Amino acid sequence: MRSSTRYIPILAGTLALAGLAGTAQAQTVLNAGGSSAGRNFATDVPLNLCDAAPLPNRFASQDGNKVTWTCNRGGLPVIMRYSATGSSDGVNKLLQPASNPASNMLFLDHTLTPGCTGPTLTTRPSDSKQYNNTINCNNANTISLPVHLGASDVQGASFHQTGPVGTSVSPLDDSTLNSVSAAVVPFSLYVGKGVVKLNAAGNAPAGPISGLSRLEVERIFSGSVTDWQQLGFGTVTDAAPGTLEATSPIIICQRNAGSGTKAAFDETVMINASETSISNASHVFSSSSSGVLTCVATNRRAIGYMDSDQVVSFNPGGAQAGNAYTVRLDGGLAHDPSLTDPKRDLKCGKYAYWAGWRLNRRTTSEGAAIDALAQAFVDNASSQATIAIIPTGAYWAADEEMFVSKNVDKGPLIFKAGAHPQCR
């Protein structure tokens, strides 16, 4: 008996490293990750999969890029983790067998408490479902685990970008994966709060700019246009909001190669030019959407691209309220609150910057329980009913909502059969 007992701690440690912490009842663990644009959407979905009681628990890192849910599903304990890195990881990690350490990502270890605040009882407004929310956990509270479900904003073939200099990605072969386009992820252009249009005389600010043409966006991100004044705009400061600055140099907030947001931008917007790959004070590269958000929020002359749901950070009550705003692209907005259906431009093909958010799985089984939980996640993320009740669903769309589709990320758009009077 003594020889058996001495190995119990070793076994418990082994199970913990595998993401299967020893409990009276074995937990089913689903580790997902990749797309940082999909971070908010992917971490909204698990609540739908959890039983209402006992209350589900959500744990988030300080930067918001790692979230872990613990709850019961069908009366049995589950753990669902998400780590937002970049979309290429949502493919590459799945191309390795789960037994290979190259398939691992760093996830939030919810059993580590340094920095954490909470839990706070939180209620989802759409359906009053409640959960315990713990936030601000130290970013270093991590555990390395294999990925079971990879998320990517684009198809593998759409990766072929460079930037910053020395960082590049080649097309990825995802043909050996079980890859499903689960939902439509829209992206938006954001500009810093100091960017303004001019009055008729051209000598005073006249409020936020309303939009940019795709050609203007190409000129900015390729580095051909370096000052807002070249496009007929200007900038102001907080100290003198009624006075135009003498010069208005543009700060470009970009993603690193390997980002699905960057790949989708390249495929749908940068048609005739490539983004500059030079990193300097005017061209700021980030490894995640949260980095771009910080760049735009802290540089009043900036422009950057992110998932459309990030606008909540700049709306009243958001963490960066008033520090940036979205602008139209060729007259369209991914989310236009002035319309009866704010997603009309997206659904009707009037807005180009979007892609199918892909969920990738190995074709070999991860185990019956993990396979079933992963399939439930995919099914739920693909459902219009889900998108209608989760917070990010106000910006994302299900395929069944769309009046257009496309077979590859760059298009062309295919208009679905039937009359669509909503699009007039």
Protein backbone atom coordinates (compact mmCIF):
# COMPACT_ATOMS: atom_id res chain seq x y z
CA MET A 1 0.00 0.00 0.00
CA ARG A 2 2.84 2.40 0.83
CA SER A 3 4.38 1.97 -2.61
CA SER A 4 1.05 2.78 -4.32
CA THR A 5 0.30 5.82 -2.17
CA ARG A 6 3.62 7.53 -2.86
CA TYR A 7 2.77 7.80 -6.58
CA ILE A 8 -0.57 9.59 -6.11
CA PRO A 9 0.98 13.12 -6.10
CA ILE A 10 2.96 12.26 -9.22
CA LEU A 11 -0.17 11.08 -11.00
CA ALA A 12 -2.07 14.21 -9.95
CA GLY A 13 0.70 16.41 -11.32
CA THR A 14 0.71 14.50 -14.59
CA LEU A 15 -3.04 14.93 -14.96
CA ALA A 16 -2.77 18.64 -14.23
CA LEU A 17 -0.14 19.09 -16.93
CA ALA A 18 -2.41 17.33 -19.38
CA GLY A 19 -5.22 19.74 -18.52
CA LEU A 20 -7.05 17.01 -16.63
CA ALA A 21 -6.69 18.07 -13.01
CA GLY A 22 -7.57 15.19 -10.69
CA THR A 23 -11.13 15.44 -9.42
CA ALA A 24 -13.69 13.02 -8.08
CA GLN A 25 -15.11 13.02 -11.59
CA ALA A 26 -12.85 13.40 -14.62
CA GLN A 27 -13.20 16.77 -16.33
CA THR A 28 -13.49 17.14 -20.07
CA VAL A 29 -11.04 19.77 -21.26
CA LEU A 30 -11.20 21.74 -24.51
CA ASN A 31 -8.20 23.92 -25.33
CA ALA A 32 -8.81 26.37 -28.17
CA GLY A 33 -6.74 29.22 -29.52
CA GLY A 34 -5.34 31.27 -32.37
CA SER A 35 -7.31 34.21 -33.78
CA SER A 36 -7.05 37.30 -31.58
CA ALA A 37 -9.82 39.02 -33.56
CA GLY A 38 -12.03 36.14 -32.49
CA ARG A 39 -11.04 36.39 -28.84
CA ASN A 40 -14.22 38.09 -27.63
CA PHE A 41 -16.51 35.91 -29.75
CA ALA A 42 -14.73 32.67 -28.82
CA THR A 43 -14.87 33.47 -25.12
CA ASP A 44 -18.55 34.45 -25.26
CA VAL A 45 -19.60 31.06 -26.65
CA PRO A 46 -18.73 28.80 -23.66
CA LEU A 47 -21.47 30.25 -21.46
CA ASN A 48 -23.99 28.80 -23.93
CA LEU A 49 -22.50 25.35 -23.41
CA CYS A 50 -22.57 25.47 -19.61
CA ASP A 51 -25.35 24.33 -17.30
CA ALA A 52 -26.98 27.19 -15.41
CA ALA A 53 -26.14 25.54 -12.09
CA PRO A 54 -23.79 25.41 -10.41
CA LEU A 55 -22.82 28.89 -11.64
CA PRO A 56 -20.20 28.82 -14.42
CA ASN A 57 -16.87 30.47 -13.64
CA ARG A 58 -14.96 32.71 -16.05
CA PHE A 59 -11.31 33.66 -15.49
CA ALA A 60 -9.51 36.25 -17.66
CA SER A 61 -5.91 37.43 -17.86
CA GLN A 62 -5.11 41.10 -17.40
CA ASP A 63 -4.64 41.66 -21.15
CA GLY A 64 -7.80 39.69 -21.93
CA ASN A 65 -5.98 37.38 -24.34
CA LYS A 66 -6.40 34.26 -22.20
CA VAL A 67 -9.75 33.15 -20.81
CA THR A 68 -10.70 29.95 -19.01
CA TRP A 69 -14.24 28.77 -18.24
CA THR A 70 -15.09 26.05 -15.71
CA CYS A 71 -18.61 24.72 -15.40
CA ASN A 72 -20.81 21.68 -15.67
CA ARG A 73 -22.26 20.51 -18.95
CA GLY A 74 -24.96 17.89 -18.73
CA GLY A 75 -24.06 17.56 -15.07
CA LEU A 76 -20.42 16.72 -15.79
CA PRO A 77 -17.45 19.07 -15.17
CA VAL A 78 -15.74 20.73 -18.14
CA ILE A 79 -12.94 23.25 -18.66
CA MET A 80 -12.88 25.40 -21.80
CA ARG A 81 -9.82 27.53 -22.46
CA TYR A 82 -9.00 30.09 -25.15
CA SER A 83 -5.66 31.73 -25.91
CA ALA A 84 -5.55 34.61 -28.40
CA THR A 85 -2.22 34.72 -30.24
CA GLY A 86 -2.67 34.92 -34.00
CA SER A 87 -4.66 33.11 -36.65
CA SER A 88 -1.68 31.25 -38.09
CA ASP A 89 -1.41 29.43 -34.73
CA GLY A 90 -5.01 28.34 -35.26
CA VAL A 91 -3.74 26.34 -38.22
CA ASN A 92 -0.13 25.48 -37.39
CA LYS A 93 -0.80 24.06 -33.94
CA LEU A 94 -3.38 21.67 -35.36
CA LEU A 95 -0.99 20.46 -38.06
CA GLN A 96 1.05 18.87 -35.25
CA PRO A 97 -0.18 15.84 -33.31
CA ALA A 98 -1.38 16.67 -29.81
CA SER A 99 1.49 14.59 -28.41
CA ASN A 100 4.03 16.96 -30.01
CA PRO A 101 4.99 19.92 -27.77
CA ALA A 102 4.87 22.06 -30.94
CA SER A 103 1.08 21.76 -30.70
CA ASN A 104 1.06 23.49 -27.30
CA MET A 105 0.00 27.02 -26.46
CA LEU A 106 0.09 28.94 -23.20
CA PHE A 107 -3.33 29.06 -21.54
CA LEU A 108 -4.53 30.80 -18.40
CA ASP A 109 -4.14 28.53 -15.38
CA HIS A 110 -7.23 29.36 -13.36
CA THR A 111 -5.81 27.64 -10.28
CA LEU A 112 -3.20 30.41 -9.97
CA THR A 113 -4.58 33.53 -8.29
CA PRO A 114 -1.89 36.28 -8.36
CA GLY A 115 -3.40 39.53 -9.63
CA CYS A 116 -6.91 38.15 -9.93
CA THR A 117 -9.88 40.24 -8.82
CA GLY A 118 -13.30 38.78 -8.22
CA PRO A 119 -15.32 36.75 -8.61
CA THR A 120 -18.10 39.16 -9.49
CA LEU A 121 -21.58 37.83 -10.17
CA THR A 122 -22.30 38.84 -13.76
CA THR A 123 -25.53 38.61 -15.75
CA ARG A 124 -25.69 38.33 -19.54
CA PRO A 125 -28.29 40.96 -20.56
CA SER A 126 -29.81 39.02 -23.46
CA ASP A 127 -31.04 36.04 -21.45
CA SER A 128 -30.16 36.77 -17.79
CA LYS A 129 -27.80 33.79 -17.61
CA GLN A 130 -25.35 34.33 -14.75
CA TYR A 131 -21.74 33.42 -14.05
CA ASN A 132 -18.89 34.29 -11.70
CA ASN A 133 -16.38 36.58 -13.42
CA THR A 134 -12.75 36.81 -12.26
CA ILE A 135 -10.53 39.28 -14.13
CA ASN A 136 -7.06 40.85 -14.18
CA CYS A 137 -5.22 37.61 -13.46
CA ASN A 138 -1.50 38.02 -14.07
CA ASN A 139 -0.60 37.41 -17.70
CA ALA A 140 2.11 35.03 -16.46
CA ASN A 141 -0.41 32.70 -14.76
CA THR A 142 -0.08 30.19 -17.58
CA ILE A 143 0.12 26.51 -18.33
CA SER A 144 1.37 24.94 -21.58
CA LEU A 145 -1.15 22.54 -23.09
CA PRO A 146 -1.95 20.99 -26.50
CA VAL A 147 -4.52 22.75 -28.68
CA HIS A 148 -7.64 20.77 -29.63
CA LEU A 149 -9.47 23.48 -31.59
CA GLY A 150 -7.75 26.17 -33.65
CA ALA A 151 -9.36 29.45 -34.69
CA SER A 152 -8.33 31.41 -37.77
CA ASP A 153 -9.81 34.51 -39.38
CA VAL A 154 -8.87 33.27 -42.85
CA GLN A 155 -8.14 30.19 -44.92
CA GLY A 156 -4.59 28.85 -44.82
CA ALA A 157 -3.91 29.98 -48.40
CA SER A 158 -4.53 33.62 -47.43
CA PHE A 159 -1.37 33.79 -45.32
CA HIS A 160 1.46 35.31 -47.39
CA GLN A 161 2.27 38.58 -45.64
CA THR A 162 5.46 40.23 -44.41
CA GLY A 163 6.03 42.64 -41.58
CA PRO A 164 7.74 43.86 -39.65
CA VAL A 165 10.96 43.28 -41.59
CA GLY A 166 12.24 39.82 -40.71
CA THR A 167 8.78 38.42 -39.98
CA SER A 168 6.87 36.66 -42.73
CA VAL A 169 4.38 33.87 -43.22
CA SER A 170 3.88 31.53 -46.16
CA PRO A 171 0.58 29.99 -47.27
CA LEU A 172 -0.52 27.24 -44.91
CA ASP A 173 -1.94 23.92 -46.07
CA ASP A 174 -5.07 23.35 -44.00
CA SER A 175 -6.44 20.70 -46.37
CA THR A 176 -5.60 17.91 -43.90
CA LEU A 177 -7.69 19.53 -41.16
CA ASN A 178 -11.40 19.42 -40.45
CA SER A 179 -11.96 23.13 -41.14
CA VAL A 180 -15.35 24.81 -40.78
CA SER A 181 -16.28 28.42 -41.53
CA ALA A 182 -18.34 28.93 -38.39
CA ALA A 183 -19.29 32.61 -38.53
CA VAL A 184 -18.58 35.87 -40.32
CA VAL A 185 -15.99 38.05 -38.60
CA PRO A 186 -16.14 41.72 -39.69
CA PHE A 187 -13.22 44.09 -39.29
CA SER A 188 -13.18 47.88 -39.11
CA LEU A 189 -10.84 50.80 -39.61
CA TYR A 190 -10.24 52.94 -36.54
CA VAL A 191 -8.69 56.40 -36.37
CA GLY A 192 -7.38 58.35 -33.40
CA LYS A 193 -9.55 60.97 -31.75
CA GLY A 194 -7.50 63.86 -33.14
CA VAL A 195 -8.19 63.12 -36.82
CA VAL A 196 -10.74 65.58 -38.23
CA LYS A 197 -12.27 66.80 -41.47
CA LEU A 198 -12.04 70.47 -42.44
CA ASN A 199 -14.65 73.17 -42.86
CA ALA A 200 -15.58 74.51 -46.31
CA ALA A 201 -12.82 77.12 -46.14
CA GLY A 202 -10.28 74.47 -45.21
CA ASN A 203 -8.95 76.41 -42.25
CA ALA A 204 -10.71 74.89 -39.23
CA PRO A 205 -11.75 71.47 -37.91
CA ALA A 206 -15.29 70.32 -38.66
CA GLY A 207 -15.68 67.14 -36.64
CA PRO A 208 -14.65 63.52 -37.17
CA ILE A 209 -13.98 62.24 -40.68
CA SER A 210 -16.78 60.08 -42.02
CA GLY A 211 -14.82 57.65 -44.13
CA LEU A 212 -12.06 56.73 -46.53
CA SER A 213 -12.03 55.12 -49.94
CA ARG A 214 -10.27 51.81 -50.38
CA LEU A 215 -7.71 53.57 -52.59
CA GLU A 216 -6.97 56.10 -49.84
CA VAL A 217 -6.51 53.27 -47.36
CA GLU A 218 -4.09 51.56 -49.73
CA ARG A 219 -2.06 54.75 -50.04
CA ILE A 220 -1.87 55.15 -46.26
CA PHE A 221 -0.87 51.60 -45.38
CA SER A 222 1.60 51.27 -48.25
CA GLY A 223 3.37 54.37 -46.95
CA SER A 224 2.62 56.52 -50.01
CA VAL A 225 0.56 58.99 -47.96
CA THR A 226 2.22 60.01 -44.70
CA ASP A 227 0.22 63.05 -43.55
CA TRP A 228 -3.55 63.42 -43.10
CA GLN A 229 -3.34 66.77 -44.88
CA GLN A 230 -2.46 64.98 -48.13
CA LEU A 231 -6.00 63.56 -48.08
CA GLY A 232 -7.63 66.88 -47.17
CA PHE A 233 -7.93 66.14 -43.46
CA GLY A 234 -6.17 67.43 -40.38
CA THR A 235 -5.53 66.80 -36.70
CA VAL A 236 -6.17 68.64 -33.45
CA THR A 237 -4.97 68.34 -29.88
CA ASP A 238 -6.91 68.07 -26.63
CA ALA A 239 -5.46 71.40 -25.56
CA ALA A 240 -6.61 73.20 -28.73
CA PRO A 241 -9.51 71.23 -30.27
CA GLY A 242 -10.55 74.21 -32.41
CA THR A 243 -7.15 74.72 -34.03
CA LEU A 244 -5.62 72.60 -36.79
CA GLU A 245 -2.07 71.42 -36.25
CA ALA A 246 0.56 72.68 -38.69
CA THR A 247 1.40 69.10 -39.67
CA SER A 248 -0.56 65.88 -39.19
CA PRO A 249 1.78 62.89 -39.61
CA ILE A 250 -0.05 59.57 -39.70
CA ILE A 251 0.73 56.84 -37.16
CA ILE A 252 -0.08 53.45 -38.69
CA CYS A 253 -1.06 50.66 -36.28
CA GLN A 254 -0.50 47.28 -37.96
CA ARG A 255 -0.50 43.58 -37.16
CA ASN A 256 2.43 41.23 -37.51
CA ALA A 257 2.54 38.69 -40.31
CA GLY A 258 0.64 35.60 -39.18
CA SER A 259 -2.35 37.67 -38.12
CA GLY A 260 -5.64 36.73 -39.72
CA THR A 261 -6.85 40.32 -39.40
CA LYS A 262 -3.81 41.39 -41.43
CA ALA A 263 -4.33 38.59 -43.97
CA ALA A 264 -8.01 39.53 -44.42
CA PHE A 265 -6.99 43.19 -44.82
CA ASP A 266 -4.47 42.16 -47.46
CA GLU A 267 -6.99 40.01 -49.33
CA THR A 268 -9.98 42.37 -49.29
CA VAL A 269 -8.61 45.92 -49.03
CA MET A 270 -4.97 46.05 -50.15
CA ILE A 271 -5.75 44.94 -53.69
CA ASN A 272 -3.19 46.99 -55.62
CA ALA A 273 -0.51 47.58 -53.00
CA SER A 274 1.11 45.90 -50.01
CA GLU A 275 1.37 47.16 -46.47
CA THR A 276 4.72 48.64 -45.61
CA SER A 277 6.85 46.22 -43.59
CA ILE A 278 9.15 48.84 -42.06
CA SER A 279 8.79 49.25 -38.33
CA ASN A 280 9.49 52.68 -36.87
CA ALA A 281 7.83 55.39 -34.79
CA SER A 282 5.23 55.93 -37.54
CA HIS A 283 4.60 52.24 -38.27
CA VAL A 284 3.77 50.32 -35.10
CA PHE A 285 3.39 46.54 -35.35
CA SER A 286 1.51 44.44 -32.78
CA SER A 287 1.17 40.71 -32.24
CA SER A 288 -2.49 40.93 -31.21
CA SER A 289 -5.63 43.01 -31.63
CA SER A 290 -5.21 44.33 -28.10
CA GLY A 291 -1.87 45.82 -29.17
CA VAL A 292 -3.48 47.64 -32.09
CA LEU A 293 -6.22 48.89 -29.78
CA THR A 294 -3.61 50.39 -27.47
CA CYS A 295 -1.75 51.91 -30.41
CA VAL A 296 -4.83 53.64 -31.81
CA ALA A 297 -6.10 54.71 -28.40
CA THR A 298 -2.82 56.35 -27.39
CA ASN A 299 -1.97 58.04 -30.71
CA ARG A 300 -4.51 60.69 -31.71
CA ARG A 301 -3.21 60.81 -35.31
CA ALA A 302 -3.36 57.03 -35.74
CA ILE A 303 -5.17 54.63 -38.02
CA GLY A 304 -5.42 50.88 -37.53
CA TYR A 305 -7.52 47.81 -38.27
CA MET A 306 -9.22 45.44 -35.82
CA ASP A 307 -12.28 43.28 -35.43
CA SER A 308 -15.41 45.42 -35.46
CA ASP A 309 -16.54 44.44 -31.96
CA GLN A 310 -13.53 46.27 -30.50
CA VAL A 311 -15.49 49.51 -30.97
CA VAL A 312 -17.12 48.89 -27.59
CA SER A 313 -13.82 49.95 -26.00
CA PHE A 314 -14.19 53.41 -27.58
CA ASN A 315 -17.93 53.81 -27.01
CA PRO A 316 -19.26 55.64 -23.93
CA GLY A 317 -18.51 53.53 -20.89
CA GLY A 318 -15.66 51.66 -22.62
CA ALA A 319 -12.14 51.43 -21.24
CA GLN A 320 -10.88 53.77 -24.00
CA ALA A 321 -14.04 55.84 -24.44
CA GLY A 322 -13.60 58.66 -26.94
CA ASN A 323 -9.97 57.88 -27.78
CA ALA A 324 -10.71 56.57 -31.29
CA TYR A 325 -13.62 55.95 -33.66
CA THR A 326 -14.54 53.83 -36.67
CA VAL A 327 -14.73 55.21 -40.22
CA ARG A 328 -16.55 54.08 -43.33
CA LEU A 329 -14.73 52.11 -46.01
CA ASP A 330 -15.98 52.95 -49.50
CA GLY A 331 -19.16 54.25 -47.87
CA GLY A 332 -19.93 51.12 -45.86
CA LEU A 333 -19.72 50.25 -42.17
CA ALA A 334 -19.53 46.75 -40.74
CA HIS A 335 -21.81 47.99 -37.96
CA ASP A 336 -23.89 51.11 -38.56
CA PRO A 337 -26.02 51.95 -35.50
CA SER A 338 -27.98 54.53 -37.53
CA LEU A 339 -29.66 51.74 -39.53
CA THR A 340 -32.64 49.62 -38.50
CA ASP A 341 -30.36 46.63 -39.04
CA PRO A 342 -26.87 47.81 -38.05
CA LYS A 343 -25.32 44.86 -39.93
CA ARG A 344 -27.02 45.68 -43.25
CA ASP A 345 -23.86 46.76 -45.10
CA LEU A 346 -22.08 43.58 -44.01
CA LYS A 347 -24.96 41.25 -44.88
CA CYS A 348 -25.69 42.90 -48.23
CA GLY A 349 -22.16 42.97 -49.64
CA LYS A 350 -21.82 46.74 -49.32
CA TYR A 351 -18.83 46.30 -47.02
CA ALA A 352 -15.75 44.35 -48.13
CA TYR A 353 -13.56 43.85 -45.06
CA TRP A 354 -14.77 40.56 -43.60
CA ALA A 355 -13.93 36.87 -43.67
CA GLY A 356 -15.24 33.51 -42.54
CA TRP A 357 -14.00 32.73 -39.03
CA ARG A 358 -12.67 29.20 -39.26
CA LEU A 359 -12.54 26.53 -36.57
CA ASN A 360 -9.94 23.85 -37.27
CA ARG A 361 -9.68 20.35 -35.81
CA ARG A 362 -7.51 17.32 -36.41
CA THR A 363 -9.13 14.50 -38.33
CA THR A 364 -7.84 12.05 -35.71
CA SER A 365 -9.85 11.74 -32.51
CA GLU A 366 -8.83 13.68 -29.39
CA GLY A 367 -11.00 11.30 -27.36
CA ALA A 368 -14.75 10.88 -27.44
CA ALA A 369 -15.51 13.44 -24.72
CA ILE A 370 -13.24 16.14 -26.19
CA ASP A 371 -14.53 15.47 -29.71
CA ALA A 372 -18.12 15.88 -28.51
CA LEU A 373 -17.36 19.12 -26.67
CA ALA A 374 -15.43 20.51 -29.65
CA GLN A 375 -18.31 19.69 -31.98
CA ALA A 376 -20.77 21.36 -29.61
CA PHE A 377 -18.57 24.47 -29.62
CA VAL A 378 -18.42 24.53 -33.43
CA ASP A 379 -22.18 24.01 -33.76
CA ASN A 380 -22.94 26.71 -31.22
CA ALA A 381 -20.54 29.23 -32.75
CA SER A 382 -22.15 28.65 -36.16
CA SER A 383 -25.71 29.22 -34.97
CA GLN A 384 -27.67 32.40 -35.61
CA ALA A 385 -29.45 31.76 -32.31
CA THR A 386 -26.12 31.92 -30.50
CA ILE A 387 -24.98 35.04 -32.31
CA ALA A 388 -28.27 36.71 -31.40
CA ILE A 389 -27.64 36.44 -27.65
CA ILE A 390 -23.88 36.81 -27.09
CA PRO A 391 -22.44 40.35 -26.78
CA THR A 392 -20.18 40.11 -29.84
CA GLY A 393 -23.14 38.89 -31.87
CA ALA A 394 -24.17 42.52 -32.32
CA TYR A 395 -21.24 42.77 -34.74
CA TRP A 396 -20.61 39.25 -36.07
CA ALA A 397 -22.99 37.36 -38.34
CA ALA A 398 -24.03 33.79 -39.02
CA ASP A 399 -23.88 32.57 -42.60
CA GLU A 400 -27.66 32.17 -42.56
CA GLU A 401 -28.01 35.93 -41.93
CA MET A 402 -25.85 36.87 -44.91
CA PHE A 403 -27.25 37.70 -48.34
CA VAL A 404 -23.79 37.15 -49.85
CA SER A 405 -21.07 34.56 -49.52
CA LYS A 406 -17.61 33.91 -50.92
CA ASN A 407 -15.61 30.77 -51.54
CA VAL A 408 -12.23 32.36 -50.86
CA ASP A 409 -11.34 35.21 -48.56
CA LYS A 410 -10.58 37.73 -51.29
CA GLY A 411 -13.86 37.07 -53.07
CA PRO A 412 -15.59 37.65 -55.38
CA LEU A 413 -18.87 37.93 -53.53
CA ILE A 414 -21.65 35.56 -54.52
CA PHE A 415 -25.16 36.93 -54.06
CA LYS A 416 -27.56 34.36 -52.66
CA ALA A 417 -30.69 33.51 -54.62
CA GLY A 418 -33.93 35.35 -54.00
CA ALA A 419 -35.01 38.94 -53.50
CA HIS A 420 -33.32 40.94 -50.77
CA PRO A 421 -35.36 44.13 -50.26
CA GLN A 422 -33.46 44.71 -47.01
CA CYS A 423 -30.45 45.67 -49.11
CA ARG A 424 -32.03 48.57 -50.98
